[in-house]
N, C-alpha and C. Protein backbone atom coordinates (compact mmCIF):
# COMPACT_ATOMS: atom_id res chain seq x y z
N MET A 1 27.93 6.19 -29.21
CA MET A 1 26.82 6.06 -28.36
C MET A 1 26.40 7.37 -27.69
N GLU A 2 25.16 7.73 -27.77
CA GLU A 2 24.73 8.96 -27.16
C GLU A 2 24.79 8.87 -25.67
N GLN A 3 25.09 10.04 -25.00
CA GLN A 3 25.33 10.00 -23.59
C GLN A 3 24.10 9.48 -22.83
N SER A 4 22.93 9.76 -23.25
CA SER A 4 21.70 9.27 -22.52
C SER A 4 21.69 7.77 -22.59
N GLU A 5 22.03 7.19 -23.71
CA GLU A 5 22.05 5.72 -23.89
C GLU A 5 23.16 5.04 -23.01
N GLN A 6 24.31 5.84 -23.01
CA GLN A 6 25.38 5.39 -22.19
C GLN A 6 25.06 5.36 -20.72
N ILE A 7 24.35 6.36 -20.25
CA ILE A 7 23.88 6.49 -18.85
C ILE A 7 22.95 5.36 -18.52
N THR A 8 21.95 5.09 -19.44
CA THR A 8 21.02 3.96 -19.26
C THR A 8 21.71 2.70 -19.22
N GLY A 9 22.63 2.49 -20.10
CA GLY A 9 23.45 1.23 -20.04
C GLY A 9 24.18 0.99 -18.79
N LEU A 10 24.85 2.03 -18.25
CA LEU A 10 25.54 1.97 -17.04
C LEU A 10 24.63 1.75 -15.84
N LEU A 11 23.43 2.34 -15.92
CA LEU A 11 22.47 2.12 -14.78
C LEU A 11 21.95 0.69 -14.81
N ARG A 12 21.77 0.13 -15.94
CA ARG A 12 21.34 -1.28 -16.02
C ARG A 12 22.46 -2.21 -15.47
N GLU A 13 23.73 -1.89 -15.85
CA GLU A 13 24.85 -2.72 -15.38
C GLU A 13 24.94 -2.64 -13.91
N TRP A 14 24.76 -1.44 -13.33
CA TRP A 14 24.82 -1.18 -11.92
C TRP A 14 23.71 -1.98 -11.20
N CYS A 15 22.49 -1.85 -11.71
CA CYS A 15 21.36 -2.58 -11.09
C CYS A 15 21.60 -4.08 -11.24
N GLY A 16 22.34 -4.49 -12.28
CA GLY A 16 22.58 -5.94 -12.50
C GLY A 16 23.69 -6.47 -11.58
N GLY A 17 24.30 -5.56 -10.80
CA GLY A 17 25.27 -6.03 -9.81
C GLY A 17 26.71 -5.53 -10.08
N ARG A 18 26.91 -4.90 -11.17
CA ARG A 18 28.28 -4.40 -11.42
C ARG A 18 28.51 -3.10 -10.73
N ARG A 19 29.06 -3.11 -9.51
CA ARG A 19 29.25 -1.88 -8.68
C ARG A 19 30.10 -0.86 -9.39
N GLU A 20 31.14 -1.32 -10.14
CA GLU A 20 31.96 -0.31 -10.79
C GLU A 20 31.27 0.60 -11.83
N ALA A 21 30.11 0.13 -12.27
CA ALA A 21 29.42 1.01 -13.21
C ALA A 21 28.92 2.32 -12.62
N LEU A 22 28.70 2.30 -11.31
CA LEU A 22 28.39 3.55 -10.66
C LEU A 22 29.48 4.59 -10.75
N ASP A 23 30.72 4.05 -10.58
CA ASP A 23 31.87 4.92 -10.64
C ASP A 23 32.08 5.49 -12.07
N GLU A 24 31.72 4.69 -13.06
CA GLU A 24 31.79 5.15 -14.48
C GLU A 24 30.64 6.14 -14.74
N LEU A 25 29.59 5.97 -14.03
CA LEU A 25 28.43 6.79 -14.28
C LEU A 25 28.54 8.21 -13.69
N LEU A 26 29.20 8.30 -12.54
CA LEU A 26 29.27 9.61 -11.87
C LEU A 26 29.81 10.77 -12.76
N PRO A 27 30.90 10.58 -13.50
CA PRO A 27 31.32 11.68 -14.34
C PRO A 27 30.34 12.14 -15.40
N LEU A 28 29.53 11.17 -15.82
CA LEU A 28 28.47 11.45 -16.87
C LEU A 28 27.34 12.22 -16.31
N VAL A 29 26.99 12.07 -15.04
CA VAL A 29 25.82 12.66 -14.45
C VAL A 29 26.15 13.75 -13.49
N TYR A 30 27.41 14.01 -13.25
CA TYR A 30 27.79 14.98 -12.22
C TYR A 30 27.23 16.37 -12.42
N ARG A 31 27.37 16.85 -13.69
CA ARG A 31 26.92 18.19 -14.01
C ARG A 31 25.42 18.37 -13.80
N GLU A 32 24.61 17.39 -14.11
CA GLU A 32 23.18 17.46 -13.92
C GLU A 32 22.89 17.31 -12.41
N LEU A 33 23.58 16.48 -11.66
CA LEU A 33 23.40 16.39 -10.20
C LEU A 33 23.73 17.73 -9.58
N HIS A 34 24.76 18.37 -10.09
CA HIS A 34 25.19 19.69 -9.55
C HIS A 34 24.03 20.72 -9.77
N LYS A 35 23.54 20.74 -10.94
CA LYS A 35 22.39 21.62 -11.25
C LYS A 35 21.18 21.34 -10.30
N GLN A 36 20.93 20.07 -10.14
CA GLN A 36 19.76 19.62 -9.27
C GLN A 36 20.09 20.10 -7.82
N ALA A 37 21.26 19.87 -7.34
CA ALA A 37 21.61 20.28 -5.97
C ALA A 37 21.53 21.80 -5.85
N ARG A 38 22.07 22.52 -6.78
CA ARG A 38 21.99 23.98 -6.77
C ARG A 38 20.55 24.49 -6.68
N ARG A 39 19.68 23.82 -7.46
CA ARG A 39 18.25 24.19 -7.45
C ARG A 39 17.67 23.98 -6.06
N PHE A 40 18.00 22.87 -5.43
CA PHE A 40 17.55 22.62 -4.04
C PHE A 40 18.07 23.72 -3.08
N LEU A 41 19.32 23.97 -3.17
CA LEU A 41 19.97 24.88 -2.20
C LEU A 41 19.58 26.29 -2.43
N ARG A 42 19.22 26.65 -3.68
CA ARG A 42 18.74 27.98 -3.92
C ARG A 42 17.48 28.25 -3.16
N LYS A 43 16.73 27.24 -2.82
CA LYS A 43 15.46 27.41 -2.06
C LYS A 43 15.69 27.47 -0.61
N GLU A 44 16.90 27.24 -0.20
CA GLU A 44 17.19 27.30 1.30
C GLU A 44 17.51 28.75 1.70
N HIS A 45 17.46 29.00 2.96
CA HIS A 45 17.74 30.29 3.51
C HIS A 45 19.25 30.58 3.36
N GLN A 46 19.64 31.85 3.48
CA GLN A 46 21.05 32.24 3.19
C GLN A 46 22.09 31.67 4.17
N GLY A 47 21.73 31.37 5.33
CA GLY A 47 22.68 30.84 6.26
C GLY A 47 22.83 29.35 6.24
N HIS A 48 22.30 28.71 5.31
CA HIS A 48 22.26 27.26 5.22
C HIS A 48 23.72 26.75 5.13
N THR A 49 24.04 25.78 5.97
CA THR A 49 25.48 25.25 6.04
C THR A 49 25.82 24.14 5.04
N LEU A 50 24.84 23.50 4.45
CA LEU A 50 25.12 22.45 3.48
C LEU A 50 25.48 23.02 2.14
N GLN A 51 26.57 22.59 1.58
CA GLN A 51 27.06 23.12 0.31
C GLN A 51 26.65 22.17 -0.78
N THR A 52 26.62 22.64 -2.04
CA THR A 52 26.26 21.91 -3.17
C THR A 52 26.99 20.59 -3.30
N THR A 53 28.30 20.62 -3.26
CA THR A 53 29.13 19.46 -3.38
C THR A 53 28.85 18.40 -2.33
N ALA A 54 28.68 18.89 -1.06
CA ALA A 54 28.34 17.97 0.02
C ALA A 54 27.00 17.27 -0.18
N LEU A 55 26.05 18.04 -0.71
CA LEU A 55 24.72 17.46 -1.00
C LEU A 55 24.83 16.38 -2.05
N ILE A 56 25.64 16.63 -3.12
CA ILE A 56 25.86 15.70 -4.20
C ILE A 56 26.47 14.47 -3.65
N HIS A 57 27.55 14.63 -2.88
CA HIS A 57 28.29 13.48 -2.34
C HIS A 57 27.45 12.60 -1.42
N GLU A 58 26.67 13.33 -0.53
CA GLU A 58 25.80 12.57 0.37
C GLU A 58 24.76 11.77 -0.44
N ALA A 59 24.18 12.41 -1.44
CA ALA A 59 23.19 11.66 -2.30
C ALA A 59 23.91 10.48 -3.02
N TYR A 60 25.09 10.63 -3.48
CA TYR A 60 25.89 9.61 -4.08
C TYR A 60 26.14 8.49 -3.14
N LEU A 61 26.47 8.83 -1.96
CA LEU A 61 26.77 7.74 -0.96
C LEU A 61 25.50 6.97 -0.68
N ARG A 62 24.39 7.64 -0.59
CA ARG A 62 23.10 6.92 -0.40
C ARG A 62 22.75 6.06 -1.51
N LEU A 63 23.00 6.50 -2.82
CA LEU A 63 22.80 5.68 -3.97
C LEU A 63 23.66 4.43 -3.92
N VAL A 64 24.87 4.61 -3.61
CA VAL A 64 25.86 3.45 -3.52
C VAL A 64 25.39 2.42 -2.53
N ASP A 65 24.83 2.87 -1.39
CA ASP A 65 24.35 1.95 -0.40
C ASP A 65 23.07 1.22 -0.74
N GLN A 66 22.40 1.58 -1.79
CA GLN A 66 21.19 0.88 -2.21
C GLN A 66 21.48 -0.58 -2.54
N ARG A 67 20.69 -1.46 -1.97
CA ARG A 67 20.95 -2.89 -2.26
C ARG A 67 20.12 -3.34 -3.44
N SER A 68 18.82 -3.06 -3.38
CA SER A 68 17.95 -3.55 -4.53
C SER A 68 17.30 -2.33 -5.08
N ILE A 69 17.87 -1.82 -6.13
CA ILE A 69 17.31 -0.69 -6.80
C ILE A 69 17.21 -1.00 -8.28
N ASP A 70 16.10 -0.64 -8.90
CA ASP A 70 15.89 -0.96 -10.32
C ASP A 70 15.64 0.36 -11.05
N LEU A 71 16.76 0.90 -11.53
CA LEU A 71 16.70 2.16 -12.31
C LEU A 71 16.58 1.82 -13.75
N GLU A 72 15.60 2.46 -14.39
CA GLU A 72 15.25 2.08 -15.80
C GLU A 72 16.02 3.02 -16.80
N ASN A 73 16.12 4.29 -16.44
CA ASN A 73 16.67 5.21 -17.42
C ASN A 73 17.22 6.44 -16.66
N ARG A 74 17.70 7.40 -17.45
CA ARG A 74 18.26 8.66 -16.96
C ARG A 74 17.26 9.36 -16.06
N ALA A 75 16.06 9.63 -16.56
CA ALA A 75 15.06 10.33 -15.78
C ALA A 75 14.73 9.68 -14.47
N HIS A 76 14.69 8.33 -14.47
CA HIS A 76 14.40 7.67 -13.21
C HIS A 76 15.56 7.89 -12.22
N PHE A 77 16.83 7.78 -12.67
CA PHE A 77 18.01 8.02 -11.92
C PHE A 77 17.93 9.43 -11.28
N PHE A 78 17.64 10.43 -12.02
CA PHE A 78 17.63 11.81 -11.52
C PHE A 78 16.40 11.99 -10.55
N ALA A 79 15.35 11.25 -10.78
CA ALA A 79 14.22 11.28 -9.87
C ALA A 79 14.61 10.78 -8.50
N ILE A 80 15.28 9.58 -8.47
CA ILE A 80 15.73 8.99 -7.25
C ILE A 80 16.80 9.92 -6.53
N ALA A 81 17.65 10.45 -7.31
CA ALA A 81 18.75 11.36 -6.74
C ALA A 81 18.04 12.57 -6.19
N GLY A 82 17.03 13.17 -6.88
CA GLY A 82 16.31 14.30 -6.27
C GLY A 82 15.59 13.92 -5.02
N GLN A 83 14.97 12.73 -4.94
CA GLN A 83 14.30 12.27 -3.77
C GLN A 83 15.33 12.14 -2.64
N MET A 84 16.48 11.63 -2.88
CA MET A 84 17.50 11.52 -1.82
C MET A 84 17.98 12.90 -1.38
N MET A 85 18.14 13.85 -2.35
CA MET A 85 18.63 15.16 -1.91
C MET A 85 17.49 15.80 -1.00
N ARG A 86 16.31 15.65 -1.40
CA ARG A 86 15.18 16.20 -0.53
C ARG A 86 15.22 15.59 0.83
N ARG A 87 15.42 14.28 0.94
CA ARG A 87 15.51 13.67 2.25
C ARG A 87 16.70 14.17 3.08
N ILE A 88 17.84 14.35 2.40
CA ILE A 88 18.95 14.80 3.10
C ILE A 88 18.70 16.22 3.67
N LEU A 89 18.13 17.12 2.86
CA LEU A 89 17.79 18.47 3.27
C LEU A 89 16.76 18.48 4.41
N VAL A 90 15.79 17.59 4.34
CA VAL A 90 14.74 17.50 5.42
C VAL A 90 15.50 16.98 6.71
N ASP A 91 16.30 15.98 6.58
CA ASP A 91 17.04 15.47 7.72
C ASP A 91 17.91 16.62 8.35
N HIS A 92 18.54 17.36 7.51
CA HIS A 92 19.40 18.46 7.88
C HIS A 92 18.54 19.52 8.65
N ALA A 93 17.35 19.84 8.09
CA ALA A 93 16.48 20.82 8.69
C ALA A 93 15.98 20.38 10.00
N ARG A 94 15.66 19.08 10.13
CA ARG A 94 15.13 18.52 11.40
C ARG A 94 16.17 18.63 12.40
N ALA A 95 17.48 18.25 12.03
CA ALA A 95 18.60 18.30 13.03
C ALA A 95 18.78 19.80 13.53
N LYS A 96 18.75 20.69 12.56
CA LYS A 96 18.86 22.10 12.92
C LYS A 96 17.70 22.57 13.86
N HIS A 97 16.51 22.14 13.48
CA HIS A 97 15.33 22.49 14.26
C HIS A 97 15.37 21.94 15.69
N ARG A 98 15.94 20.73 15.83
CA ARG A 98 16.07 20.12 17.18
C ARG A 98 17.11 20.99 17.90
N GLU A 99 18.19 21.45 17.23
CA GLU A 99 19.18 22.21 17.92
C GLU A 99 18.55 23.52 18.44
N LYS A 100 17.67 24.13 17.64
CA LYS A 100 17.13 25.44 18.03
C LYS A 100 15.92 25.20 18.97
N ARG A 101 15.51 23.99 19.21
CA ARG A 101 14.41 23.65 20.09
C ARG A 101 13.09 24.38 19.65
N GLY A 102 12.88 24.37 18.36
CA GLY A 102 11.63 24.84 17.88
C GLY A 102 11.44 26.36 17.87
N GLY A 103 12.53 27.12 17.87
CA GLY A 103 12.40 28.55 17.82
C GLY A 103 11.81 28.99 16.44
N ASP A 104 11.72 30.21 16.30
CA ASP A 104 11.21 30.68 14.99
C ASP A 104 12.20 30.74 13.89
N ASP A 105 13.32 29.97 14.05
CA ASP A 105 14.30 29.87 13.05
C ASP A 105 14.10 28.67 12.16
N ALA A 106 12.93 28.26 11.99
CA ALA A 106 12.65 27.05 11.09
C ALA A 106 13.14 27.36 9.74
N VAL A 107 13.77 26.41 9.05
CA VAL A 107 14.33 26.56 7.72
C VAL A 107 13.16 26.85 6.75
N LYS A 108 13.28 27.89 5.99
CA LYS A 108 12.32 28.28 5.02
C LYS A 108 12.90 28.13 3.60
N ILE A 109 12.09 27.72 2.66
CA ILE A 109 12.42 27.62 1.27
C ILE A 109 11.38 28.35 0.55
N PRO A 110 11.77 29.11 -0.50
CA PRO A 110 10.72 29.72 -1.35
C PRO A 110 10.07 28.67 -2.18
N LEU A 111 8.76 28.77 -2.23
CA LEU A 111 7.93 27.84 -2.99
C LEU A 111 7.94 28.32 -4.46
N ASP A 112 8.34 27.46 -5.29
CA ASP A 112 8.43 27.73 -6.74
C ASP A 112 7.11 28.38 -7.19
N GLU A 113 7.17 29.40 -8.04
CA GLU A 113 5.95 30.05 -8.47
C GLU A 113 4.99 29.06 -9.14
N ALA A 114 5.50 27.96 -9.75
CA ALA A 114 4.56 27.03 -10.27
C ALA A 114 3.69 26.31 -9.25
N MET A 115 4.19 26.36 -8.02
CA MET A 115 3.44 25.71 -6.91
C MET A 115 2.42 26.70 -6.30
N ILE A 116 2.45 27.95 -6.63
CA ILE A 116 1.64 28.93 -6.00
C ILE A 116 0.42 29.19 -6.86
N VAL A 117 -0.74 29.13 -6.28
CA VAL A 117 -1.98 29.44 -7.02
C VAL A 117 -2.22 30.93 -6.98
N VAL A 118 -1.82 31.64 -5.95
CA VAL A 118 -1.93 33.09 -5.84
C VAL A 118 -0.71 33.69 -6.35
N VAL A 119 -0.75 34.96 -6.71
CA VAL A 119 0.44 35.69 -7.29
C VAL A 119 1.31 36.19 -6.12
N GLY A 120 2.59 36.05 -6.30
CA GLY A 120 3.53 36.62 -5.36
C GLY A 120 4.37 35.58 -4.72
N PRO A 121 5.60 35.96 -4.26
CA PRO A 121 6.49 34.97 -3.62
C PRO A 121 5.99 34.59 -2.27
N LYS A 122 6.39 33.46 -1.84
CA LYS A 122 5.96 32.91 -0.54
C LYS A 122 7.10 31.97 -0.03
N ASP A 123 7.33 31.99 1.23
CA ASP A 123 8.23 31.07 1.87
C ASP A 123 7.49 29.96 2.52
N VAL A 124 8.02 28.76 2.40
CA VAL A 124 7.35 27.58 3.08
C VAL A 124 8.33 26.88 3.95
N ASP A 125 7.97 26.51 5.07
CA ASP A 125 8.79 25.76 6.04
C ASP A 125 9.01 24.41 5.41
N LEU A 126 10.30 24.07 5.25
CA LEU A 126 10.69 22.75 4.60
C LEU A 126 10.07 21.61 5.36
N LEU A 127 10.08 21.66 6.66
CA LEU A 127 9.54 20.55 7.48
C LEU A 127 8.02 20.51 7.29
N ALA A 128 7.32 21.60 7.20
CA ALA A 128 5.88 21.63 6.94
C ALA A 128 5.60 21.08 5.63
N LEU A 129 6.40 21.48 4.60
CA LEU A 129 6.22 20.93 3.18
C LEU A 129 6.36 19.38 3.20
N ASP A 130 7.41 18.90 3.90
CA ASP A 130 7.60 17.46 3.97
C ASP A 130 6.43 16.80 4.66
N ASP A 131 5.97 17.36 5.72
CA ASP A 131 4.79 16.76 6.35
C ASP A 131 3.58 16.70 5.49
N VAL A 132 3.34 17.81 4.76
CA VAL A 132 2.16 17.86 3.85
C VAL A 132 2.38 16.88 2.72
N LEU A 133 3.55 16.72 2.19
CA LEU A 133 3.84 15.78 1.12
C LEU A 133 3.59 14.34 1.60
N LYS A 134 3.94 14.07 2.83
CA LYS A 134 3.57 12.76 3.42
C LYS A 134 2.12 12.48 3.49
N ARG A 135 1.31 13.50 3.89
CA ARG A 135 -0.11 13.39 3.89
C ARG A 135 -0.66 13.18 2.52
N LEU A 136 -0.12 13.92 1.53
CA LEU A 136 -0.57 13.80 0.15
C LEU A 136 -0.29 12.35 -0.32
N GLU A 137 0.89 11.84 0.05
CA GLU A 137 1.26 10.50 -0.36
C GLU A 137 0.27 9.47 0.20
N ALA A 138 -0.22 9.66 1.45
CA ALA A 138 -1.24 8.76 1.99
C ALA A 138 -2.51 8.81 1.23
N LEU A 139 -2.84 10.07 0.62
CA LEU A 139 -4.09 10.20 -0.06
C LEU A 139 -3.89 9.71 -1.54
N ASP A 140 -2.81 10.11 -2.17
CA ASP A 140 -2.57 9.80 -3.56
C ASP A 140 -1.12 9.75 -3.87
N GLU A 141 -0.57 8.51 -3.78
CA GLU A 141 0.84 8.30 -3.88
C GLU A 141 1.37 8.83 -5.22
N GLN A 142 0.69 8.64 -6.27
CA GLN A 142 1.12 9.16 -7.61
C GLN A 142 1.24 10.63 -7.63
N GLN A 143 0.27 11.32 -7.08
CA GLN A 143 0.43 12.82 -7.03
C GLN A 143 1.60 13.25 -6.25
N ALA A 144 1.87 12.63 -5.14
CA ALA A 144 3.08 12.91 -4.38
C ALA A 144 4.35 12.73 -5.15
N ARG A 145 4.43 11.61 -5.94
CA ARG A 145 5.58 11.32 -6.76
C ARG A 145 5.73 12.39 -7.84
N VAL A 146 4.58 12.80 -8.40
CA VAL A 146 4.68 13.91 -9.46
C VAL A 146 5.26 15.13 -8.82
N VAL A 147 4.87 15.53 -7.62
CA VAL A 147 5.40 16.75 -6.94
C VAL A 147 6.87 16.54 -6.71
N GLU A 148 7.34 15.42 -6.23
CA GLU A 148 8.75 15.18 -5.98
C GLU A 148 9.56 15.31 -7.30
N LEU A 149 9.02 14.70 -8.30
CA LEU A 149 9.76 14.76 -9.61
C LEU A 149 9.75 16.16 -10.27
N ARG A 150 8.63 16.81 -10.18
CA ARG A 150 8.60 18.14 -10.84
C ARG A 150 9.25 19.17 -9.93
N TYR A 151 8.91 19.28 -8.72
CA TYR A 151 9.35 20.41 -7.84
C TYR A 151 10.76 20.12 -7.33
N PHE A 152 11.01 18.95 -6.80
CA PHE A 152 12.32 18.69 -6.19
C PHE A 152 13.38 18.23 -7.16
N SER A 153 13.00 17.45 -8.13
CA SER A 153 14.01 16.93 -9.08
C SER A 153 14.11 17.82 -10.32
N GLY A 154 13.11 18.71 -10.59
CA GLY A 154 13.21 19.55 -11.71
C GLY A 154 12.91 18.88 -12.98
N LEU A 155 12.18 17.74 -13.04
CA LEU A 155 11.88 17.05 -14.27
C LEU A 155 10.76 17.73 -14.99
N SER A 156 10.77 17.70 -16.31
CA SER A 156 9.69 18.18 -17.10
C SER A 156 8.46 17.25 -16.95
N LEU A 157 7.31 17.75 -17.51
CA LEU A 157 6.16 16.80 -17.38
C LEU A 157 6.40 15.52 -18.15
N GLU A 158 7.07 15.64 -19.35
CA GLU A 158 7.39 14.47 -20.19
C GLU A 158 8.28 13.52 -19.43
N GLU A 159 9.28 14.02 -18.75
CA GLU A 159 10.23 13.20 -17.99
C GLU A 159 9.53 12.53 -16.77
N THR A 160 8.70 13.37 -16.12
CA THR A 160 7.92 12.78 -14.98
C THR A 160 7.00 11.66 -15.42
N ALA A 161 6.30 11.87 -16.56
CA ALA A 161 5.41 10.88 -17.08
C ALA A 161 6.18 9.59 -17.38
N ALA A 162 7.33 9.75 -18.04
CA ALA A 162 8.14 8.60 -18.40
C ALA A 162 8.66 7.85 -17.11
N ALA A 163 9.12 8.58 -16.12
CA ALA A 163 9.63 7.96 -14.87
C ALA A 163 8.50 7.19 -14.20
N LEU A 164 7.32 7.68 -14.18
CA LEU A 164 6.20 7.08 -13.53
C LEU A 164 5.43 6.11 -14.42
N LYS A 165 5.78 6.10 -15.67
CA LYS A 165 5.09 5.22 -16.67
C LYS A 165 3.60 5.57 -16.76
N ILE A 166 3.32 6.86 -16.82
CA ILE A 166 1.95 7.34 -17.01
C ILE A 166 1.93 8.31 -18.26
N SER A 167 0.78 8.69 -18.72
CA SER A 167 0.72 9.60 -19.83
C SER A 167 1.12 11.01 -19.42
N ARG A 168 1.49 11.87 -20.32
CA ARG A 168 1.79 13.23 -20.04
C ARG A 168 0.52 13.95 -19.51
N ALA A 169 -0.60 13.63 -20.06
CA ALA A 169 -1.89 14.21 -19.64
C ALA A 169 -2.15 13.89 -18.17
N THR A 170 -1.92 12.64 -17.82
CA THR A 170 -2.14 12.23 -16.41
C THR A 170 -1.21 12.94 -15.51
N ALA A 171 0.11 13.05 -15.96
CA ALA A 171 1.12 13.75 -15.12
C ALA A 171 0.67 15.25 -14.94
N ALA A 172 0.22 15.86 -15.99
CA ALA A 172 -0.22 17.27 -15.94
C ALA A 172 -1.40 17.44 -15.00
N ARG A 173 -2.31 16.49 -15.13
CA ARG A 173 -3.55 16.57 -14.21
C ARG A 173 -3.19 16.37 -12.78
N ASP A 174 -2.32 15.30 -12.50
CA ASP A 174 -1.86 15.12 -11.16
C ASP A 174 -1.08 16.28 -10.63
N TRP A 175 -0.29 16.92 -11.47
CA TRP A 175 0.54 18.14 -11.05
C TRP A 175 -0.42 19.20 -10.65
N ALA A 176 -1.45 19.48 -11.44
CA ALA A 176 -2.38 20.55 -11.20
C ALA A 176 -3.14 20.29 -9.93
N MET A 177 -3.62 19.03 -9.72
CA MET A 177 -4.35 18.69 -8.55
C MET A 177 -3.51 18.84 -7.25
N ALA A 178 -2.29 18.34 -7.37
CA ALA A 178 -1.42 18.31 -6.24
C ALA A 178 -1.07 19.79 -5.83
N LYS A 179 -0.82 20.65 -6.79
CA LYS A 179 -0.42 21.98 -6.50
C LYS A 179 -1.59 22.69 -5.77
N ALA A 180 -2.78 22.43 -6.19
CA ALA A 180 -3.94 23.07 -5.54
C ALA A 180 -4.09 22.55 -4.13
N TRP A 181 -3.97 21.25 -3.94
CA TRP A 181 -4.05 20.61 -2.60
C TRP A 181 -2.94 21.11 -1.70
N LEU A 182 -1.72 21.17 -2.19
CA LEU A 182 -0.60 21.57 -1.33
C LEU A 182 -0.82 23.06 -0.92
N HIS A 183 -1.22 23.89 -1.87
CA HIS A 183 -1.44 25.25 -1.56
C HIS A 183 -2.43 25.43 -0.44
N ARG A 184 -3.57 24.68 -0.52
CA ARG A 184 -4.58 24.76 0.49
C ARG A 184 -4.03 24.29 1.83
N GLU A 185 -3.29 23.21 1.88
CA GLU A 185 -2.79 22.68 3.11
C GLU A 185 -1.79 23.54 3.71
N LEU A 186 -0.89 24.16 2.88
CA LEU A 186 0.21 24.96 3.40
C LEU A 186 -0.30 26.36 3.85
N THR A 187 -1.46 26.80 3.40
CA THR A 187 -1.92 28.18 3.79
C THR A 187 -2.97 28.10 4.88
N ARG A 188 -3.21 26.86 5.34
CA ARG A 188 -4.23 26.70 6.47
C ARG A 188 -3.66 27.38 7.73
């Protein structure tokens, strides 16, 4: 059995109520979760206190606590895991921001060059990005999901389209529109 099929089978068993399936799943997905967590943390400032392993374990604990989750395949699982990692980092940034009482030490993450319409690197405040994504979600939920899957989870356009059950062309169009909208909102 191919690993992707094995992962999908275990996900279905877990969603069907077999809690032990998640324990069997973890060794199969750990390497990819580690890459995903490293991608997130690479975007954090140098003094960030959350480590890759801690981020993976926290996301795993949140997955285990899910009561009614319907994961369809590998891409959908990594999309949910990426969404949880993003929330963990935003929660962590908010807690740090509260500790600092709003000083100019806001957590910054570099915005992936795919997100930038203009040339050159740029740092984006993680809390500001989260707020802008929430506003985008209110305007167009699908575009917000595309951003989460592409930017935060690192999924390809094909994987994003499959996870959202839309065509690749629609995913590409939503990605382009969302990038332009986010850029405008973040540079205001």
